[in-house]
Amino acid sequence: MTEEPETSSRRRGGVSPDSILHSGSEGEFTAEDLVLASGRDVNPENLAWAERRMAEKGGRAALDELLP
């Protein structure tokens, strides 16, 4: 890990600039990732929910709407 994010944060009064923030949804994700992002426990019922949601929302959109 580099010092750059902390340094950038200090220069802007303790707030991280948008240029260094990212949701992490740029790569591949699974139903388990969606369950965890929603704050639910990983179990067969919630994994089934996540798979349905990914199918309904078109995959990435299901995760993007849960992440800041």
PDB file of N, CA and C in Angstrom:
ATOM      1  N   MET A   1       0.842  -1.169   0.000  1.00  0.00           N
ATOM      2  CA  MET A   1       0.000   0.000   0.000  1.00  0.00           C
ATOM      3  C   MET A   1       0.888   1.234   0.000  1.00  0.00           C
ATOM      4  N   THR A   2       0.477   2.263  -0.705  1.00  0.00           N
ATOM      5  CA  THR A   2       1.296   3.468  -0.781  1.00  0.00           C
ATOM      6  C   THR A   2       0.758   4.535   0.147  1.00  0.00           C
ATOM      7  N   GLU A   3       1.548   5.557   0.329  1.00  0.00           N
ATOM      8  CA  GLU A   3       1.140   6.674   1.169  1.00  0.00           C
ATOM      9  C   GLU A   3       0.281   7.686   0.415  1.00  0.00           C
ATOM     10  N   GLU A   4       0.181   7.556  -0.896  1.00  0.00           N
ATOM     11  CA  GLU A   4      -0.517   8.543  -1.698  1.00  0.00           C
ATOM     12  C   GLU A   4      -1.946   8.836  -1.245  1.00  0.00           C
ATOM     13  N   PRO A   5      -2.803   7.847  -0.979  1.00  0.00           N
ATOM     14  CA  PRO A   5      -4.162   8.173  -0.541  1.00  0.00           C
ATOM     15  C   PRO A   5      -4.202   8.999   0.737  1.00  0.00           C
ATOM     16  N   GLU A   6      -3.357   8.670   1.710  1.00  0.00           N
ATOM     17  CA  GLU A   6      -3.341   9.452   2.943  1.00  0.00           C
ATOM     18  C   GLU A   6      -2.883  10.872   2.676  1.00  0.00           C
ATOM     19  N   THR A   7      -1.827  11.026   1.883  1.00  0.00           N
ATOM     20  CA  THR A   7      -1.304  12.342   1.565  1.00  0.00           C
ATOM     21  C   THR A   7      -2.361  13.166   0.849  1.00  0.00           C
ATOM     22  N   SER A   8      -3.018  12.572  -0.137  1.00  0.00           N
ATOM     23  CA  SER A   8      -4.062  13.276  -0.867  1.00  0.00           C
ATOM     24  C   SER A   8      -5.200  13.667   0.054  1.00  0.00           C
ATOM     25  N   SER A   9      -5.522  12.786   0.979  1.00  0.00           N
ATOM     26  CA  SER A   9      -6.603  13.048   1.913  1.00  0.00           C
ATOM     27  C   SER A   9      -6.274  14.232   2.813  1.00  0.00           C
ATOM     28  N   ARG A  10      -5.047  14.296   3.277  1.00  0.00           N
ATOM     29  CA  ARG A  10      -4.645  15.397   4.161  1.00  0.00           C
ATOM     30  C   ARG A  10      -4.691  16.732   3.441  1.00  0.00           C
ATOM     31  N   ARG A  11      -4.313  16.748   2.164  1.00  0.00           N
ATOM     32  CA  ARG A  11      -4.308  18.000   1.417  1.00  0.00           C
ATOM     33  C   ARG A  11      -5.710  18.559   1.234  1.00  0.00           C
ATOM     34  N   ARG A  12      -6.709  17.735   1.288  1.00  0.00           N
ATOM     35  CA  ARG A  12      -8.078  18.192   1.054  1.00  0.00           C
ATOM     36  C   ARG A  12      -8.864  18.259   2.348  1.00  0.00           C
ATOM     37  N   GLY A  13      -8.202  18.474   3.462  1.00  0.00           N
ATOM     38  CA  GLY A  13      -8.901  18.635   4.725  1.00  0.00           C
ATOM     39  C   GLY A  13      -9.442  17.353   5.310  1.00  0.00           C
ATOM     40  N   GLY A  14      -8.805  16.208   5.058  1.00  0.00           N
ATOM     41  CA  GLY A  14      -9.250  14.952   5.635  1.00  0.00           C
ATOM     42  C   GLY A  14     -10.274  14.206   4.809  1.00  0.00           C
ATOM     43  N   VAL A  15     -10.643  14.761   3.669  1.00  0.00           N
ATOM     44  CA  VAL A  15     -11.622  14.115   2.798  1.00  0.00           C
ATOM     45  C   VAL A  15     -10.881  13.512   1.610  1.00  0.00           C
ATOM     46  N   SER A  16     -11.116  12.245   1.324  1.00  0.00           N
ATOM     47  CA  SER A  16     -10.465  11.594   0.183  1.00  0.00           C
ATOM     48  C   SER A  16     -11.059  12.125  -1.118  1.00  0.00           C
ATOM     49  N   PRO A  17     -10.214  12.527  -2.057  1.00  0.00           N
ATOM     50  CA  PRO A  17     -10.730  13.031  -3.337  1.00  0.00           C
ATOM     51  C   PRO A  17     -11.347  11.904  -4.162  1.00  0.00           C
ATOM     52  N   ASP A  18     -12.308  12.247  -4.989  1.00  0.00           N
ATOM     53  CA  ASP A  18     -12.991  11.256  -5.819  1.00  0.00           C
ATOM     54  C   ASP A  18     -12.034  10.475  -6.708  1.00  0.00           C
ATOM     55  N   SER A  19     -10.928  11.103  -7.105  1.00  0.00           N
ATOM     56  CA  SER A  19     -10.002  10.441  -8.026  1.00  0.00           C
ATOM     57  C   SER A  19      -9.351   9.195  -7.437  1.00  0.00           C
ATOM     58  N   ILE A  20      -9.356   9.053  -6.097  1.00  0.00           N
ATOM     59  CA  ILE A  20      -8.751   7.858  -5.499  1.00  0.00           C
ATOM     60  C   ILE A  20      -9.789   6.925  -4.892  1.00  0.00           C
ATOM     61  N   LEU A  21     -11.050   7.290  -4.962  1.00  0.00           N
ATOM     62  CA  LEU A  21     -12.110   6.432  -4.436  1.00  0.00           C
ATOM     63  C   LEU A  21     -12.640   5.536  -5.549  1.00  0.00           C
ATOM     64  N   HIS A  22     -12.921   4.316  -5.221  1.00  0.00           N
ATOM     65  CA  HIS A  22     -13.550   3.406  -6.170  1.00  0.00           C
ATOM     66  C   HIS A  22     -14.320   2.359  -5.392  1.00  0.00           C
ATOM     67  N   SER A  23     -15.363   1.852  -6.018  1.00  0.00           N
ATOM     68  CA  SER A  23     -16.252   0.921  -5.319  1.00  0.00           C
ATOM     69  C   SER A  23     -15.734  -0.503  -5.289  1.00  0.00           C
ATOM     70  N   GLY A  24     -14.840  -0.829  -6.175  1.00  0.00           N
ATOM     71  CA  GLY A  24     -14.350  -2.199  -6.236  1.00  0.00           C
ATOM     72  C   GLY A  24     -15.189  -3.088  -7.122  1.00  0.00           C
ATOM     73  N   SER A  25     -16.179  -2.524  -7.774  1.00  0.00           N
ATOM     74  CA  SER A  25     -17.026  -3.352  -8.633  1.00  0.00           C
ATOM     75  C   SER A  25     -16.534  -3.375 -10.074  1.00  0.00           C
ATOM     76  N   GLU A  26     -15.292  -2.953 -10.285  1.00  0.00           N
ATOM     77  CA  GLU A  26     -14.750  -2.935 -11.636  1.00  0.00           C
ATOM     78  C   GLU A  26     -14.431  -4.337 -12.154  1.00  0.00           C
ATOM     79  N   GLY A  27     -14.104  -5.260 -11.267  1.00  0.00           N
ATOM     80  CA  GLY A  27     -13.728  -6.614 -11.675  1.00  0.00           C
ATOM     81  C   GLY A  27     -14.900  -7.571 -11.607  1.00  0.00           C
ATOM     82  N   GLU A  28     -14.578  -8.844 -11.696  1.00  0.00           N
ATOM     83  CA  GLU A  28     -15.600  -9.886 -11.604  1.00  0.00           C
ATOM     84  C   GLU A  28     -16.127  -9.980 -10.170  1.00  0.00           C
ATOM     85  N   PHE A  29     -17.360 -10.391 -10.030  1.00  0.00           N
ATOM     86  CA  PHE A  29     -17.937 -10.587  -8.704  1.00  0.00           C
ATOM     87  C   PHE A  29     -18.875 -11.779  -8.742  1.00  0.00           C
ATOM     88  N   THR A  30     -19.199 -12.269  -7.562  1.00  0.00           N
ATOM     89  CA  THR A  30     -20.040 -13.460  -7.446  1.00  0.00           C
ATOM     90  C   THR A  30     -21.286 -13.135  -6.634  1.00  0.00           C
ATOM     91  N   ALA A  31     -22.180 -14.094  -6.557  1.00  0.00           N
ATOM     92  CA  ALA A  31     -23.370 -13.940  -5.725  1.00  0.00           C
ATOM     93  C   ALA A  31     -22.963 -13.729  -4.268  1.00  0.00           C
ATOM     94  N   GLU A  32     -21.896 -14.380  -3.843  1.00  0.00           N
ATOM     95  CA  GLU A  32     -21.415 -14.200  -2.470  1.00  0.00           C
ATOM     96  C   GLU A  32     -20.995 -12.753  -2.230  1.00  0.00           C
ATOM     97  N   ASP A  33     -20.346 -12.118  -3.199  1.00  0.00           N
ATOM     98  CA  ASP A  33     -19.964 -10.713  -3.070  1.00  0.00           C
ATOM     99  C   ASP A  33     -21.200  -9.832  -2.900  1.00  0.00           C
ATOM    100  N   LEU A  34     -22.240 -10.131  -3.654  1.00  0.00           N
ATOM    101  CA  LEU A  34     -23.474  -9.358  -3.565  1.00  0.00           C
ATOM    102  C   LEU A  34     -24.130  -9.532  -2.198  1.00  0.00           C
ATOM    103  N   VAL A  35     -24.134 -10.742  -1.686  1.00  0.00           N
ATOM    104  CA  VAL A  35     -24.693 -11.004  -0.354  1.00  0.00           C
ATOM    105  C   VAL A  35     -23.926 -10.207   0.693  1.00  0.00           C
ATOM    106  N   LEU A  36     -22.605 -10.254   0.637  1.00  0.00           N
ATOM    107  CA  LEU A  36     -21.790  -9.531   1.616  1.00  0.00           C
ATOM    108  C   LEU A  36     -21.979  -8.024   1.492  1.00  0.00           C
ATOM    109  N   ALA A  37     -22.065  -7.502   0.273  1.00  0.00           N
ATOM    110  CA  ALA A  37     -22.269  -6.068   0.073  1.00  0.00           C
ATOM    111  C   ALA A  37     -23.613  -5.609   0.622  1.00  0.00           C
ATOM    112  N   SER A  38     -24.581  -6.510   0.649  1.00  0.00           N
ATOM    113  CA  SER A  38     -25.908  -6.156   1.158  1.00  0.00           C
ATOM    114  C   SER A  38     -25.986  -6.244   2.681  1.00  0.00           C
ATOM    115  N   GLY A  39     -24.921  -6.773   3.299  1.00  0.00           N
ATOM    116  CA  GLY A  39     -24.904  -6.887   4.756  1.00  0.00           C
ATOM    117  C   GLY A  39     -25.586  -8.137   5.279  1.00  0.00           C
ATOM    118  N   ARG A  40     -25.897  -9.056   4.403  1.00  0.00           N
ATOM    119  CA  ARG A  40     -26.571 -10.294   4.802  1.00  0.00           C
ATOM    120  C   ARG A  40     -25.556 -11.384   5.102  1.00  0.00           C
ATOM    121  N   ASP A  41     -26.005 -12.411   5.797  1.00  0.00           N
ATOM    122  CA  ASP A  41     -25.173 -13.587   6.043  1.00  0.00           C
ATOM    123  C   ASP A  41     -25.125 -14.441   4.783  1.00  0.00           C
ATOM    124  N   VAL A  42     -23.974 -15.070   4.566  1.00  0.00           N
ATOM    125  CA  VAL A  42     -23.836 -15.971   3.421  1.00  0.00           C
ATOM    126  C   VAL A  42     -24.454 -17.316   3.793  1.00  0.00           C
ATOM    127  N   ASN A  43     -25.563 -17.631   3.153  1.00  0.00           N
ATOM    128  CA  ASN A  43     -26.230 -18.920   3.331  1.00  0.00           C
ATOM    129  C   ASN A  43     -26.946 -19.248   2.019  1.00  0.00           C
ATOM    130  N   PRO A  44     -27.399 -20.465   1.846  1.00  0.00           N
ATOM    131  CA  PRO A  44     -28.014 -20.849   0.566  1.00  0.00           C
ATOM    132  C   PRO A  44     -29.192 -19.957   0.153  1.00  0.00           C
ATOM    133  N   GLU A  45     -30.005 -19.558   1.105  1.00  0.00           N
ATOM    134  CA  GLU A  45     -31.163 -18.707   0.789  1.00  0.00           C
ATOM    135  C   GLU A  45     -30.720 -17.345   0.252  1.00  0.00           C
ATOM    136  N   ASN A  46     -29.739 -16.732   0.910  1.00  0.00           N
ATOM    137  CA  ASN A  46     -29.266 -15.423   0.473  1.00  0.00           C
ATOM    138  C   ASN A  46     -28.468 -15.507  -0.825  1.00  0.00           C
ATOM    139  N   LEU A  47     -27.759 -16.603  -1.037  1.00  0.00           N
ATOM    140  CA  LEU A  47     -27.058 -16.788  -2.306  1.00  0.00           C
ATOM    141  C   LEU A  47     -28.060 -16.908  -3.453  1.00  0.00           C
ATOM    142  N   ALA A  48     -29.169 -17.600  -3.218  1.00  0.00           N
ATOM    143  CA  ALA A  48     -30.218 -17.710  -4.233  1.00  0.00           C
ATOM    144  C   ALA A  48     -30.819 -16.336  -4.516  1.00  0.00           C
ATOM    145  N   TRP A  49     -31.035 -15.544  -3.465  1.00  0.00           N
ATOM    146  CA  TRP A  49     -31.534 -14.171  -3.623  1.00  0.00           C
ATOM    147  C   TRP A  49     -30.580 -13.364  -4.500  1.00  0.00           C
ATOM    148  N   ALA A  50     -29.285 -13.463  -4.215  1.00  0.00           N
ATOM    149  CA  ALA A  50     -28.281 -12.705  -4.962  1.00  0.00           C
ATOM    150  C   ALA A  50     -28.243 -13.132  -6.429  1.00  0.00           C
ATOM    151  N   GLU A  51     -28.339 -14.411  -6.681  1.00  0.00           N
ATOM    152  CA  GLU A  51     -28.333 -14.892  -8.064  1.00  0.00           C
ATOM    153  C   GLU A  51     -29.553 -14.380  -8.827  1.00  0.00           C
ATOM    154  N   ARG A  52     -30.720 -14.382  -8.166  1.00  0.00           N
ATOM    155  CA  ARG A  52     -31.931 -13.837  -8.802  1.00  0.00           C
ATOM    156  C   ARG A  52     -31.760 -12.350  -9.083  1.00  0.00           C
ATOM    157  N   ARG A  53     -31.235 -11.635  -8.117  1.00  0.00           N
ATOM    158  CA  ARG A  53     -31.055 -10.184  -8.266  1.00  0.00           C
ATOM    159  C   ARG A  53     -30.073  -9.865  -9.393  1.00  0.00           C
ATOM    160  N   MET A  54     -28.993 -10.638  -9.476  1.00  0.00           N
ATOM    161  CA  MET A  54     -28.020 -10.429 -10.553  1.00  0.00           C
ATOM    162  C   MET A  54     -28.673 -10.675 -11.912  1.00  0.00           C
ATOM    163  N   ALA A  55     -29.534 -11.680 -12.001  1.00  0.00           N
ATOM    164  CA  ALA A  55     -30.224 -11.983 -13.257  1.00  0.00           C
ATOM    165  C   ALA A  55     -31.221 -10.877 -13.608  1.00  0.00           C
ATOM    166  N   GLU A  56     -31.942 -10.364 -12.607  1.00  0.00           N
ATOM    167  CA  GLU A  56     -32.942  -9.320 -12.832  1.00  0.00           C
ATOM    168  C   GLU A  56     -32.314  -7.990 -13.212  1.00  0.00           C
ATOM    169  N   LYS A  57     -31.244  -7.618 -12.524  1.00  0.00           N
ATOM    170  CA  LYS A  57     -30.632  -6.302 -12.710  1.00  0.00           C
ATOM    171  C   LYS A  57     -29.579  -6.280 -13.811  1.00  0.00           C
ATOM    172  N   GLY A  58     -29.237  -7.414 -14.344  1.00  0.00           N
ATOM    173  CA  GLY A  58     -28.230  -7.435 -15.390  1.00  0.00           C
ATOM    174  C   GLY A  58     -26.810  -7.522 -14.872  1.00  0.00           C
ATOM    175  N   GLY A  59     -26.624  -8.166 -13.757  1.00  0.00           N
ATOM    176  CA  GLY A  59     -25.269  -8.415 -13.242  1.00  0.00           C
ATOM    177  C   GLY A  59     -24.700  -7.262 -12.447  1.00  0.00           C
ATOM    178  N   ARG A  60     -23.800  -6.500 -13.068  1.00  0.00           N
ATOM    179  CA  ARG A  60     -23.052  -5.453 -12.380  1.00  0.00           C
ATOM    180  C   ARG A  60     -23.956  -4.413 -11.701  1.00  0.00           C
ATOM    181  N   ALA A  61     -25.072  -4.077 -12.288  1.00  0.00           N
ATOM    182  CA  ALA A  61     -25.971  -3.082 -11.711  1.00  0.00           C
ATOM    183  C   ALA A  61     -26.459  -3.498 -10.330  1.00  0.00           C
ATOM    184  N   ALA A  62     -26.603  -4.782 -10.102  1.00  0.00           N
ATOM    185  CA  ALA A  62     -27.047  -5.279  -8.793  1.00  0.00           C
ATOM    186  C   ALA A  62     -26.038  -4.927  -7.712  1.00  0.00           C
ATOM    187  N   LEU A  63     -24.760  -4.999  -8.039  1.00  0.00           N
ATOM    188  CA  LEU A  63     -23.718  -4.668  -7.073  1.00  0.00           C
ATOM    189  C   LEU A  63     -23.507  -3.164  -6.990  1.00  0.00           C
ATOM    190  N   ASP A  64     -23.520  -2.484  -8.121  1.00  0.00           N
ATOM    191  CA  ASP A  64     -23.280  -1.041  -8.142  1.00  0.00           C
ATOM    192  C   ASP A  64     -24.285  -0.273  -7.297  1.00  0.00           C
ATOM    193  N   GLU A  65     -25.534  -0.704  -7.272  1.00  0.00           N
ATOM    194  CA  GLU A  65     -26.528   0.044  -6.500  1.00  0.00           C
ATOM    195  C   GLU A  65     -26.368  -0.143  -4.991  1.00  0.00           C
ATOM    196  N   LEU A  66     -25.620  -1.153  -4.573  1.00  0.00           N
ATOM    197  CA  LEU A  66     -25.388  -1.370  -3.144  1.00  0.00           C
ATOM    198  C   LEU A  66     -24.132  -0.675  -2.635  1.00  0.00           C
ATOM    199  N   LEU A  67     -23.206  -0.379  -3.532  1.00  0.00           N
ATOM    200  CA  LEU A  67     -21.931   0.203  -3.127  1.00  0.00           C
ATOM    201  C   LEU A  67     -21.956   1.718  -3.272  1.00  0.00           C
ATOM    202  N   PRO A  68     -21.224   2.411  -2.393  1.00  0.00           N
ATOM    203  CA  PRO A  68     -21.188   3.885  -2.480  1.00  0.00           C
ATOM    204  C   PRO A  68     -20.484   4.372  -3.726  1.00  0.00           C
TER     205      PRO A  68
END
